[in-house]
Amino acid sequence: MTYQSTATELFSARMPARGQVNSTTPFLTARNSFAQLGQLLARAGTAMMNASRGAARVERVHALQAKTDAELKTMGIQREDIIHHVFKDCYYV
């Protein structure tokens, strides 16, 4: 006599019904983990881009402050307006 197993005996892990989530299902938790990792990396990348933009602006301010008043005058910038000139696209006054 041969033993015939049913599908439920072969696959002991129950798959969730459509629209339901079972946290013990490995592929669903892996997908969620990868999505969270992707979001974390995206946020880290955005923070690094913002930091580099800010650093570049600060370097631009230092470069302009190192210039003489005559050089600034040829550029059409007054010394007291250097900060406003560098950051003018960030805010409206």
PDB file of N, CA and C in Angstrom:
ATOM      1  N   MET A   1       0.832  -1.171   0.000  1.00  0.00           N
ATOM      2  CA  MET A   1       0.000   0.000   0.000  1.00  0.00           C
ATOM      3  C   MET A   1       0.886   1.245   0.000  1.00  0.00           C
ATOM      4  N   THR A   2       0.562   2.160  -0.895  1.00  0.00           N
ATOM      5  CA  THR A   2       1.344   3.395  -0.969  1.00  0.00           C
ATOM      6  C   THR A   2       0.603   4.492  -0.221  1.00  0.00           C
ATOM      7  N   TYR A   3       1.386   5.360   0.325  1.00  0.00           N
ATOM      8  CA  TYR A   3       0.821   6.482   1.087  1.00  0.00           C
ATOM      9  C   TYR A   3       0.759   7.696   0.183  1.00  0.00           C
ATOM     10  N   GLN A   4      -0.390   8.289   0.064  1.00  0.00           N
ATOM     11  CA  GLN A   4      -0.547   9.484  -0.744  1.00  0.00           C
ATOM     12  C   GLN A   4      -0.790  10.671   0.176  1.00  0.00           C
ATOM     13  N   SER A   5       0.098  11.646   0.071  1.00  0.00           N
ATOM     14  CA  SER A   5      -0.037  12.825   0.934  1.00  0.00           C
ATOM     15  C   SER A   5      -0.832  13.914   0.226  1.00  0.00           C
ATOM     16  N   THR A   6      -1.446  14.727   1.017  1.00  0.00           N
ATOM     17  CA  THR A   6      -2.227  15.832   0.470  1.00  0.00           C
ATOM     18  C   THR A   6      -1.343  17.071   0.398  1.00  0.00           C
ATOM     19  N   ALA A   7      -1.835  18.087  -0.280  1.00  0.00           N
ATOM     20  CA  ALA A   7      -1.070  19.321  -0.443  1.00  0.00           C
ATOM     21  C   ALA A   7      -0.822  19.997   0.899  1.00  0.00           C
ATOM     22  N   THR A   8      -1.777  19.933   1.814  1.00  0.00           N
ATOM     23  CA  THR A   8      -1.585  20.566   3.117  1.00  0.00           C
ATOM     24  C   THR A   8      -0.519  19.857   3.933  1.00  0.00           C
ATOM     25  N   GLU A   9      -0.346  18.587   3.715  1.00  0.00           N
ATOM     26  CA  GLU A   9       0.708  17.873   4.421  1.00  0.00           C
ATOM     27  C   GLU A   9       2.077  18.186   3.828  1.00  0.00           C
ATOM     28  N   LEU A  10       2.134  18.428   2.527  1.00  0.00           N
ATOM     29  CA  LEU A  10       3.401  18.753   1.885  1.00  0.00           C
ATOM     30  C   LEU A  10       3.873  20.173   2.239  1.00  0.00           C
ATOM     31  N   PHE A  11       2.942  21.072   2.291  1.00  0.00           N
ATOM     32  CA  PHE A  11       3.265  22.471   2.570  1.00  0.00           C
ATOM     33  C   PHE A  11       2.640  22.855   3.899  1.00  0.00           C
ATOM     34  N   SER A  12       3.426  22.751   4.957  1.00  0.00           N
ATOM     35  CA  SER A  12       2.870  23.009   6.278  1.00  0.00           C
ATOM     36  C   SER A  12       2.662  24.499   6.534  1.00  0.00           C
ATOM     37  N   ALA A  13       3.403  25.352   5.836  1.00  0.00           N
ATOM     38  CA  ALA A  13       3.222  26.798   6.031  1.00  0.00           C
ATOM     39  C   ALA A  13       1.991  27.237   5.266  1.00  0.00           C
ATOM     40  N   ARG A  14       1.077  27.856   5.974  1.00  0.00           N
ATOM     41  CA  ARG A  14      -0.145  28.320   5.336  1.00  0.00           C
ATOM     42  C   ARG A  14       0.083  29.671   4.698  1.00  0.00           C
ATOM     43  N   MET A  15      -0.293  29.828   3.457  1.00  0.00           N
ATOM     44  CA  MET A  15      -0.175  31.111   2.769  1.00  0.00           C
ATOM     45  C   MET A  15      -1.358  31.980   3.161  1.00  0.00           C
ATOM     46  N   PRO A  16      -1.147  33.267   3.362  1.00  0.00           N
ATOM     47  CA  PRO A  16      -2.261  34.142   3.733  1.00  0.00           C
ATOM     48  C   PRO A  16      -3.216  34.321   2.557  1.00  0.00           C
ATOM     49  N   ALA A  17      -4.474  34.522   2.873  1.00  0.00           N
ATOM     50  CA  ALA A  17      -5.470  34.761   1.840  1.00  0.00           C
ATOM     51  C   ALA A  17      -5.205  36.125   1.209  1.00  0.00           C
ATOM     52  N   ARG A  18      -5.784  36.358   0.070  1.00  0.00           N
ATOM     53  CA  ARG A  18      -5.579  37.613  -0.641  1.00  0.00           C
ATOM     54  C   ARG A  18      -6.023  38.786   0.236  1.00  0.00           C
ATOM     55  N   GLY A  19      -5.163  39.787   0.362  1.00  0.00           N
ATOM     56  CA  GLY A  19      -5.483  40.954   1.170  1.00  0.00           C
ATOM     57  C   GLY A  19      -5.066  40.819   2.620  1.00  0.00           C
ATOM     58  N   GLN A  20      -4.675  39.637   3.046  1.00  0.00           N
ATOM     59  CA  GLN A  20      -4.248  39.430   4.423  1.00  0.00           C
ATOM     60  C   GLN A  20      -2.731  39.321   4.467  1.00  0.00           C
ATOM     61  N   VAL A  21      -2.174  39.710   5.600  1.00  0.00           N
ATOM     62  CA  VAL A  21      -0.730  39.630   5.768  1.00  0.00           C
ATOM     63  C   VAL A  21      -0.442  38.724   6.945  1.00  0.00           C
ATOM     64  N   ASN A  22       0.447  37.786   6.740  1.00  0.00           N
ATOM     65  CA  ASN A  22       0.879  36.886   7.787  1.00  0.00           C
ATOM     66  C   ASN A  22       2.358  37.165   8.016  1.00  0.00           C
ATOM     67  N   SER A  23       2.702  37.707   9.168  1.00  0.00           N
ATOM     68  CA  SER A  23       4.079  38.142   9.394  1.00  0.00           C
ATOM     69  C   SER A  23       5.066  36.994   9.433  1.00  0.00           C
ATOM     70  N   THR A  24       4.600  35.768   9.546  1.00  0.00           N
ATOM     71  CA  THR A  24       5.521  34.646   9.553  1.00  0.00           C
ATOM     72  C   THR A  24       5.859  34.171   8.151  1.00  0.00           C
ATOM     73  N   THR A  25       5.206  34.710   7.141  1.00  0.00           N
ATOM     74  CA  THR A  25       5.504  34.329   5.775  1.00  0.00           C
ATOM     75  C   THR A  25       6.820  34.986   5.373  1.00  0.00           C
ATOM     76  N   PRO A  26       7.842  34.216   5.065  1.00  0.00           N
ATOM     77  CA  PRO A  26       9.179  34.774   4.855  1.00  0.00           C
ATOM     78  C   PRO A  26       9.286  35.781   3.729  1.00  0.00           C
ATOM     79  N   PHE A  27       8.636  35.535   2.597  1.00  0.00           N
ATOM     80  CA  PHE A  27       8.825  36.450   1.480  1.00  0.00           C
ATOM     81  C   PHE A  27       8.179  37.805   1.734  1.00  0.00           C
ATOM     82  N   LEU A  28       7.118  37.853   2.537  1.00  0.00           N
ATOM     83  CA  LEU A  28       6.496  39.130   2.853  1.00  0.00           C
ATOM     84  C   LEU A  28       7.365  39.942   3.802  1.00  0.00           C
ATOM     85  N   THR A  29       7.949  39.303   4.790  1.00  0.00           N
ATOM     86  CA  THR A  29       8.809  40.038   5.715  1.00  0.00           C
ATOM     87  C   THR A  29      10.091  40.458   5.020  1.00  0.00           C
ATOM     88  N   ALA A  30      10.604  39.656   4.117  1.00  0.00           N
ATOM     89  CA  ALA A  30      11.808  40.033   3.381  1.00  0.00           C
ATOM     90  C   ALA A  30      11.515  41.233   2.488  1.00  0.00           C
ATOM     91  N   ARG A  31      10.367  41.228   1.826  1.00  0.00           N
ATOM     92  CA  ARG A  31       9.994  42.351   0.971  1.00  0.00           C
ATOM     93  C   ARG A  31       9.872  43.620   1.798  1.00  0.00           C
ATOM     94  N   ASN A  32       9.256  43.521   2.968  1.00  0.00           N
ATOM     95  CA  ASN A  32       9.100  44.667   3.846  1.00  0.00           C
ATOM     96  C   ASN A  32      10.468  45.149   4.326  1.00  0.00           C
ATOM     97  N   SER A  33      11.344  44.232   4.664  1.00  0.00           N
ATOM     98  CA  SER A  33      12.680  44.603   5.126  1.00  0.00           C
ATOM     99  C   SER A  33      13.461  45.318   4.034  1.00  0.00           C
ATOM    100  N   PHE A  34      13.373  44.806   2.809  1.00  0.00           N
ATOM    101  CA  PHE A  34      14.077  45.455   1.707  1.00  0.00           C
ATOM    102  C   PHE A  34      13.487  46.831   1.421  1.00  0.00           C
ATOM    103  N   ALA A  35      12.186  46.978   1.551  1.00  0.00           N
ATOM    104  CA  ALA A  35      11.559  48.285   1.343  1.00  0.00           C
ATOM    105  C   ALA A  35      12.034  49.275   2.407  1.00  0.00           C
ATOM    106  N   GLN A  36      12.096  48.835   3.660  1.00  0.00           N
ATOM    107  CA  GLN A  36      12.576  49.710   4.722  1.00  0.00           C
ATOM    108  C   GLN A  36      14.045  50.057   4.541  1.00  0.00           C
ATOM    109  N   LEU A  37      14.840  49.105   4.101  1.00  0.00           N
ATOM    110  CA  LEU A  37      16.251  49.366   3.840  1.00  0.00           C
ATOM    111  C   LEU A  37      16.398  50.371   2.707  1.00  0.00           C
ATOM    112  N   GLY A  38      15.597  50.227   1.678  1.00  0.00           N
ATOM    113  CA  GLY A  38      15.625  51.173   0.561  1.00  0.00           C
ATOM    114  C   GLY A  38      15.266  52.577   1.003  1.00  0.00           C
ATOM    115  N   GLN A  39      14.251  52.694   1.867  1.00  0.00           N
ATOM    116  CA  GLN A  39      13.863  54.002   2.384  1.00  0.00           C
ATOM    117  C   GLN A  39      14.969  54.612   3.227  1.00  0.00           C
ATOM    118  N   LEU A  40      15.611  53.785   4.039  1.00  0.00           N
ATOM    119  CA  LEU A  40      16.709  54.268   4.877  1.00  0.00           C
ATOM    120  C   LEU A  40      17.865  54.775   4.020  1.00  0.00           C
ATOM    121  N   LEU A  41      18.226  54.028   2.986  1.00  0.00           N
ATOM    122  CA  LEU A  41      19.310  54.456   2.107  1.00  0.00           C
ATOM    123  C   LEU A  41      18.946  55.723   1.331  1.00  0.00           C
ATOM    124  N   ALA A  42      17.695  55.838   0.945  1.00  0.00           N
ATOM    125  CA  ALA A  42      17.254  57.048   0.243  1.00  0.00           C
ATOM    126  C   ALA A  42      17.346  58.266   1.155  1.00  0.00           C
ATOM    127  N   ARG A  43      16.921  58.104   2.422  1.00  0.00           N
ATOM    128  CA  ARG A  43      17.019  59.217   3.374  1.00  0.00           C
ATOM    129  C   ARG A  43      18.480  59.594   3.642  1.00  0.00           C
ATOM    130  N   ALA A  44      19.339  58.585   3.751  1.00  0.00           N
ATOM    131  CA  ALA A  44      20.760  58.857   3.984  1.00  0.00           C
ATOM    132  C   ALA A  44      21.365  59.595   2.787  1.00  0.00           C
ATOM    133  N   GLY A  45      21.000  59.182   1.598  1.00  0.00           N
ATOM    134  CA  GLY A  45      21.490  59.864   0.400  1.00  0.00           C
ATOM    135  C   GLY A  45      21.021  61.306   0.326  1.00  0.00           C
ATOM    136  N   THR A  46      19.768  61.548   0.666  1.00  0.00           N
ATOM    137  CA  THR A  46      19.236  62.906   0.668  1.00  0.00           C
ATOM    138  C   THR A  46      19.963  63.766   1.693  1.00  0.00           C
ATOM    139  N   ALA A  47      20.213  63.218   2.874  1.00  0.00           N
ATOM    140  CA  ALA A  47      20.927  63.964   3.909  1.00  0.00           C
ATOM    141  C   ALA A  47      22.346  64.301   3.457  1.00  0.00           C
ATOM    142  N   MET A  48      23.008  63.358   2.800  1.00  0.00           N
ATOM    143  CA  MET A  48      24.361  63.623   2.310  1.00  0.00           C
ATOM    144  C   MET A  48      24.365  64.698   1.224  1.00  0.00           C
ATOM    145  N   MET A  49      23.367  64.677   0.348  1.00  0.00           N
ATOM    146  CA  MET A  49      23.279  65.700  -0.697  1.00  0.00           C
ATOM    147  C   MET A  49      23.042  67.079  -0.093  1.00  0.00           C
ATOM    148  N   ASN A  50      22.147  67.156   0.891  1.00  0.00           N
ATOM    149  CA  ASN A  50      21.880  68.431   1.541  1.00  0.00           C
ATOM    150  C   ASN A  50      23.116  68.951   2.265  1.00  0.00           C
ATOM    151  N   ALA A  51      23.842  68.064   2.922  1.00  0.00           N
ATOM    152  CA  ALA A  51      25.052  68.467   3.633  1.00  0.00           C
ATOM    153  C   ALA A  51      26.112  68.965   2.659  1.00  0.00           C
ATOM    154  N   SER A  52      26.254  68.297   1.526  1.00  0.00           N
ATOM    155  CA  SER A  52      27.270  68.729   0.568  1.00  0.00           C
ATOM    156  C   SER A  52      26.894  70.062  -0.064  1.00  0.00           C
ATOM    157  N   ARG A  53      25.596  70.282  -0.294  1.00  0.00           N
ATOM    158  CA  ARG A  53      25.163  71.573  -0.822  1.00  0.00           C
ATOM    159  C   ARG A  53      25.464  72.681   0.175  1.00  0.00           C
ATOM    160  N   GLY A  54      25.189  72.420   1.445  1.00  0.00           N
ATOM    161  CA  GLY A  54      25.464  73.418   2.482  1.00  0.00           C
ATOM    162  C   GLY A  54      26.943  73.703   2.608  1.00  0.00           C
ATOM    163  N   ALA A  55      27.771  72.663   2.524  1.00  0.00           N
ATOM    164  CA  ALA A  55      29.219  72.840   2.616  1.00  0.00           C
ATOM    165  C   ALA A  55      29.737  73.651   1.429  1.00  0.00           C
ATOM    166  N   ALA A  56      29.190  73.413   0.253  1.00  0.00           N
ATOM    167  CA  ALA A  56      29.614  74.155  -0.931  1.00  0.00           C
ATOM    168  C   ALA A  56      29.260  75.633  -0.798  1.00  0.00           C
ATOM    169  N   ARG A  57      28.103  75.911  -0.224  1.00  0.00           N
ATOM    170  CA  ARG A  57      27.708  77.314  -0.026  1.00  0.00           C
ATOM    171  C   ARG A  57      28.621  78.006   0.984  1.00  0.00           C
ATOM    172  N   VAL A  58      28.969  77.299   2.050  1.00  0.00           N
ATOM    173  CA  VAL A  58      29.865  77.881   3.052  1.00  0.00           C
ATOM    174  C   VAL A  58      31.233  78.149   2.433  1.00  0.00           C
ATOM    175  N   GLU A  59      31.713  77.242   1.606  1.00  0.00           N
ATOM    176  CA  GLU A  59      32.987  77.463   0.912  1.00  0.00           C
ATOM    177  C   GLU A  59      32.901  78.672  -0.003  1.00  0.00           C
ATOM    178  N   ARG A  60      31.760  78.847  -0.669  1.00  0.00           N
ATOM    179  CA  ARG A  60      31.558  80.017  -1.539  1.00  0.00           C
ATOM    180  C   ARG A  60      31.586  81.302  -0.721  1.00  0.00           C
ATOM    181  N   VAL A  61      30.976  81.295   0.459  1.00  0.00           N
ATOM    182  CA  VAL A  61      31.000  82.473   1.339  1.00  0.00           C
ATOM    183  C   VAL A  61      32.434  82.795   1.733  1.00  0.00           C
ATOM    184  N   HIS A  62      33.195  81.778   2.128  1.00  0.00           N
ATOM    185  CA  HIS A  62      34.592  81.998   2.521  1.00  0.00           C
ATOM    186  C   HIS A  62      35.420  82.541   1.356  1.00  0.00           C
ATOM    187  N   ALA A  63      35.169  82.032   0.166  1.00  0.00           N
ATOM    188  CA  ALA A  63      35.909  82.505  -1.008  1.00  0.00           C
ATOM    189  C   ALA A  63      35.586  83.964  -1.308  1.00  0.00           C
ATOM    190  N   LEU A  64      34.323  84.325  -1.185  1.00  0.00           N
ATOM    191  CA  LEU A  64      33.947  85.720  -1.431  1.00  0.00           C
ATOM    192  C   LEU A  64      34.472  86.640  -0.329  1.00  0.00           C
ATOM    193  N   GLN A  65      34.477  86.184   0.905  1.00  0.00           N
ATOM    194  CA  GLN A  65      34.988  87.003   1.992  1.00  0.00           C
ATOM    195  C   GLN A  65      36.497  87.215   1.872  1.00  0.00           C
ATOM    196  N   ALA A  66      37.194  86.311   1.218  1.00  0.00           N
ATOM    197  CA  ALA A  66      38.640  86.443   1.042  1.00  0.00           C
ATOM    198  C   ALA A  66      38.992  87.463  -0.038  1.00  0.00           C
ATOM    199  N   LYS A  67      38.043  87.852  -0.865  1.00  0.00           N
ATOM    200  CA  LYS A  67      38.292  88.823  -1.935  1.00  0.00           C
ATOM    201  C   LYS A  67      38.379  90.234  -1.366  1.00  0.00           C
ATOM    202  N   THR A  68      39.027  91.096  -2.110  1.00  0.00           N
ATOM    203  CA  THR A  68      39.128  92.499  -1.698  1.00  0.00           C
ATOM    204  C   THR A  68      37.833  93.219  -2.039  1.00  0.00           C
ATOM    205  N   ASP A  69      37.682  94.417  -1.468  1.00  0.00           N
ATOM    206  CA  ASP A  69      36.478  95.205  -1.750  1.00  0.00           C
ATOM    207  C   ASP A  69      36.414  95.590  -3.222  1.00  0.00           C
ATOM    208  N   ALA A  70      37.550  95.821  -3.837  1.00  0.00           N
ATOM    209  CA  ALA A  70      37.567  96.177  -5.260  1.00  0.00           C
ATOM    210  C   ALA A  70      37.092  94.999  -6.114  1.00  0.00           C
ATOM    211  N   GLU A  71      37.532  93.790  -5.786  1.00  0.00           N
ATOM    212  CA  GLU A  71      37.093  92.609  -6.539  1.00  0.00           C
ATOM    213  C   GLU A  71      35.595  92.379  -6.366  1.00  0.00           C
ATOM    214  N   LEU A  72      35.116  92.570  -5.142  1.00  0.00           N
ATOM    215  CA  LEU A  72      33.676  92.409  -4.898  1.00  0.00           C
ATOM    216  C   LEU A  72      32.881  93.470  -5.654  1.00  0.00           C
ATOM    217  N   LYS A  73      33.429  94.688  -5.730  1.00  0.00           N
ATOM    218  CA  LYS A  73      32.722  95.767  -6.422  1.00  0.00           C
ATOM    219  C   LYS A  73      32.602  95.451  -7.914  1.00  0.00           C
ATOM    220  N   THR A  74      33.647  94.863  -8.504  1.00  0.00           N
ATOM    221  CA  THR A  74      33.560  94.487  -9.925  1.00  0.00           C
ATOM    222  C   THR A  74      32.530  93.376 -10.149  1.00  0.00           C
ATOM    223  N   MET A  75      32.312  92.564  -9.118  1.00  0.00           N
ATOM    224  CA  MET A  75      31.296  91.509  -9.214  1.00  0.00           C
ATOM    225  C   MET A  75      29.905  92.033  -8.909  1.00  0.00           C
ATOM    226  N   GLY A  76      29.819  93.259  -8.410  1.00  0.00           N
ATOM    227  CA  GLY A  76      28.523  93.841  -8.079  1.00  0.00           C
ATOM    228  C   GLY A  76      27.983  93.393  -6.729  1.00  0.00           C
ATOM    229  N   ILE A  77      28.894  93.018  -5.830  1.00  0.00           N
ATOM    230  CA  ILE A  77      28.496  92.533  -4.505  1.00  0.00           C
ATOM    231  C   ILE A  77      29.160  93.406  -3.446  1.00  0.00           C
ATOM    232  N   GLN A  78      28.388  93.806  -2.456  1.00  0.00           N
ATOM    233  CA  GLN A  78      28.969  94.494  -1.308  1.00  0.00           C
ATOM    234  C   GLN A  78      29.306  93.463  -0.246  1.00  0.00           C
ATOM    235  N   ARG A  79      30.311  93.747   0.560  1.00  0.00           N
ATOM    236  CA  ARG A  79      30.780  92.788   1.555  1.00  0.00           C
ATOM    237  C   ARG A  79      29.651  92.365   2.501  1.00  0.00           C
ATOM    238  N   GLU A  80      28.800  93.278   2.898  1.00  0.00           N
ATOM    239  CA  GLU A  80      27.719  92.923   3.831  1.00  0.00           C
ATOM    240  C   GLU A  80      26.611  92.108   3.169  1.00  0.00           C
ATOM    241  N   ASP A  81      26.629  92.016   1.836  1.00  0.00           N
ATOM    242  CA  ASP A  81      25.604  91.252   1.111  1.00  0.00           C
ATOM    243  C   ASP A  81      26.088  89.881   0.637  1.00  0.00           C
ATOM    244  N   ILE A  82      27.256  89.445   1.078  1.00  0.00           N
ATOM    245  CA  ILE A  82      27.798  88.162   0.618  1.00  0.00           C
ATOM    246  C   ILE A  82      26.873  87.005   1.007  1.00  0.00           C
ATOM    247  N   ILE A  83      26.443  86.966   2.251  1.00  0.00           N
ATOM    248  CA  ILE A  83      25.566  85.879   2.714  1.00  0.00           C
ATOM    249  C   ILE A  83      24.268  85.864   1.906  1.00  0.00           C
ATOM    250  N   HIS A  84      23.684  87.045   1.734  1.00  0.00           N
ATOM    251  CA  HIS A  84      22.441  87.119   0.957  1.00  0.00           C
ATOM    252  C   HIS A  84      22.672  86.672  -0.483  1.00  0.00           C
ATOM    253  N   HIS A  85      23.803  87.043  -1.062  1.00  0.00           N
ATOM    254  CA  HIS A  85      24.104  86.669  -2.440  1.00  0.00           C
ATOM    255  C   HIS A  85      24.240  85.149  -2.587  1.00  0.00           C
ATOM    256  N   VAL A  86      24.904  84.492  -1.648  1.00  0.00           N
ATOM    257  CA  VAL A  86      25.134  83.048  -1.743  1.00  0.00           C
ATOM    258  C   VAL A  86      23.862  82.262  -1.456  1.00  0.00           C
ATOM    259  N   PHE A  87      23.064  82.715  -0.495  1.00  0.00           N
ATOM    260  CA  PHE A  87      21.879  81.962  -0.074  1.00  0.00           C
ATOM    261  C   PHE A  87      20.574  82.561  -0.602  1.00  0.00           C
ATOM    262  N   LYS A  88      20.631  83.396  -1.627  1.00  0.00           N
ATOM    263  CA  LYS A  88      19.419  84.093  -2.087  1.00  0.00           C
ATOM    264  C   LYS A  88      18.342  83.162  -2.630  1.00  0.00           C
ATOM    265  N   ASP A  89      18.714  81.984  -3.128  1.00  0.00           N
ATOM    266  CA  ASP A  89      17.711  81.061  -3.656  1.00  0.00           C
ATOM    267  C   ASP A  89      17.080  80.203  -2.564  1.00  0.00           C
ATOM    268  N   CYS A  90      17.585  80.287  -1.328  1.00  0.00           N
ATOM    269  CA  CYS A  90      17.054  79.472  -0.235  1.00  0.00           C
ATOM    270  C   CYS A  90      15.916  80.155   0.519  1.00  0.00           C
ATOM    271  N   TYR A  91      15.876  81.459   0.472  1.00  0.00           N
ATOM    272  CA  TYR A  91      14.846  82.183   1.238  1.00  0.00           C
ATOM    273  C   TYR A  91      14.463  83.455   0.497  1.00  0.00           C
ATOM    274  N   TYR A  92      13.355  84.024   0.901  1.00  0.00           N
ATOM    275  CA  TYR A  92      12.869  85.266   0.302  1.00  0.00           C
ATOM    276  C   TYR A  92      12.778  86.321   1.393  1.00  0.00           C
ATOM    277  N   VAL A  93      13.434  87.464   1.152  1.00  0.00           N
ATOM    278  CA  VAL A  93      13.402  88.551   2.138  1.00  0.00           C
ATOM    279  C   VAL A  93      12.655  89.719   1.560  1.00  0.00           C
TER     280      VAL A  93
END
